[in-house]
């Protein structure tokens, strides 16, 4: 909770050293009323101080903090009086950043006090886009980049990693002809070469096979394409679609009797995605090929896509590298009702179980 305070308020009043009265001892009025010092209860004779209707010998108007006479400005609080500097000490009105007195507006945040300027310049988090203080609500991505909400409308987000594309966060980015925007962090490992795609297919397949999800790569082909072509290839396409597995079975008959069945899979992935994102897409689409060949494939789309995201998760988790961990966070924070929620439900069910249990669930 952040609060803004002013030193001078109705409860903390800085007063001028006001009424010093010189009275004539012979005064008949004075003799009759016998004004007494509030501190010592002795009668005042000649010179006294009147504060809030109370009289004090000059040497008896004392600061509560230092117990020395107040001879100038003072601060009143709860019926006590302080030198202005002593009041700062008594109330611990010291800026927790610069350690100087808080003699102007100050901010209290998490039980610490700051000059308003110290708080805004040195304590408030700064926008990763424009470096200005973040006052009020702000966004924070999975990479701990904090930024003003309006930057999301001003700037593109990377179609690979979801970072705001700007010089300070991603060193700029690239605009693809199919309408995608890729930050330069992702573009540094962007995959366009068909041979590289084939190598990544082998890499992902072998690693998934090592944890128990096996594939026959002889019948799997991978193709990279842009968003416009993928839109025409993929069923149920939406703007978040990054890959598609097109599976077909060819049957061989002899005398009208089925003697063999061969299944072929064309895996389509978006060109120009970062290497780690491409690997995650491949793992997802490979799982679609496994489901096609090994199950009745009669469960809901949420279970289907959630299971394929879970295969991506298992692959990424096995890599044990920072870029893979970032990709896992994107899976975990996906708000999509099918892909995101489906993954959450499958992982919740099988996180502490074996891959065999996961595959058995899909089979039966």
Foldseek 3Di string as FASTA:
>chain_A
DKDKDWCDDPQKHKDWQDDKDFDDQPDPVCVVPQAAAPQPRHGDRTIWGADPNGTHRQQCLAAPQPRGGDDTIWIDHPRGIHDPVSVQVVVVQAQPPPRHHDNGMWMADPNGIHRPVCCQPPPADAALAPRGGDPDDWDADPVRHTHHPCLPVVFDAALAQRHTADCRPQNHWDADPLGGIHGNVQLVQFADDLVVLVVLLVVLQVLLVVQPQHDDCVQEAEDEDAPVVVVVVADPDDPNDFKAKDKDKDFDDDPNHTDDIDMHIYIYGYGGGGPLSSSLSSQLRVVVVSLVPQAPPPDDLLLSLLLSNVSSLVSLVVVPDDVSVSVVVCLQPPPDPRNNVSVVVLCVVDVPHGVVVVVVVSHD
